[in-house]
């Protein structure tokens, strides 16, 4: 007869778990921030008061449930979990973690591989249980679909506003304007800088020369920077808002999941509202600037009515080169030195 020795099972230790919590709100409005503060205090008190729990932190974000790029709190919590410093996570809702079905699935599997459970209070679900994965995924799909419906409703609302000519009156960092009680008003000191930029351009200065002038005069950008970007100057010069008009739907949200915005180059309707707010630049001055920009781009008007660029750039150093144009191809003339003499020749020939 075989001699079998029984080795008794070890009694379970009264193990303490390192517990973290995750909470989130979608916007930074006063009510949302108060809600976030209450969530943080509630979870902190709950974890610290449990006899077998060790407080591992309360992580939070102020961001849409669809946008992972700015979810700093969530990423920080997952990195800490990956280092083995968290055993258990508690959160209110699946949608608080993410409204992206694929992402929520990746997160719970990431945690399960490390033996970490995420408990969803409202749904009463634990991610550590494999048989609950389908239910968690299904609820995630419902949250994602809800976000889609919300996005479509918002877009529909914007469209109705566009059709009525309602303009947006909340601008952030917009040189020359600010919003007071829902109205767009002119900021006098900034408006003078805008007028100066338009004036310098019509005097013949290039974008680079205007940039140098503004920096040499110690004029700061609307965000307080001392260094100007030529693209910023160009955007000021082509913005119809400075003559008191507004073009609506210049961009649109292409994908509600990523929130990616695309430039509207004909995919959607545009709406042009005249005299929507006080002008900083007279309409005739604004139009002259647009004509000058077209000249500097050296646009060639063909006989069939089409327009194409000759590929030549405006030269702020040699102004004569912007005035001399080849009658055959429409290209600008360039300055050359040959045998000690100055010649002006067609850029295409050169």
Foldseek 3Di string as FASTA:
>chain_A
DDDDDDDDDDDDDLAAFEEEEEFEAAAPDPVRVVVVVVVQVVVVVVQVPDPRYDYPYYFYYHHQLLAPPRRVRLVVVLVCVVVVNGAEYEYAALSRNHLDLVVSLVVLVSNLVSNHWYAHVVVRDISVDPVCSVVSSVVSPVSNVVLVVVVVVVVVVLVVCLVVVNDFQCDDQDQQWHHDPSAIDGDVVSLVVLVVLLVVVVVQADLVRNQVVCLVVQNAGSVGHSGDDSVVSVCSLLAPVQQQKDKPCQWDQPDSSHSDIDGCPPPDDIHIGHNNHDHSDHPVSSVVSVVSVCLQQQWDQDPVRDIDGPRHGHDSVDNVQSVAADPPPSATWDWDADPNDIDTGGPVVD
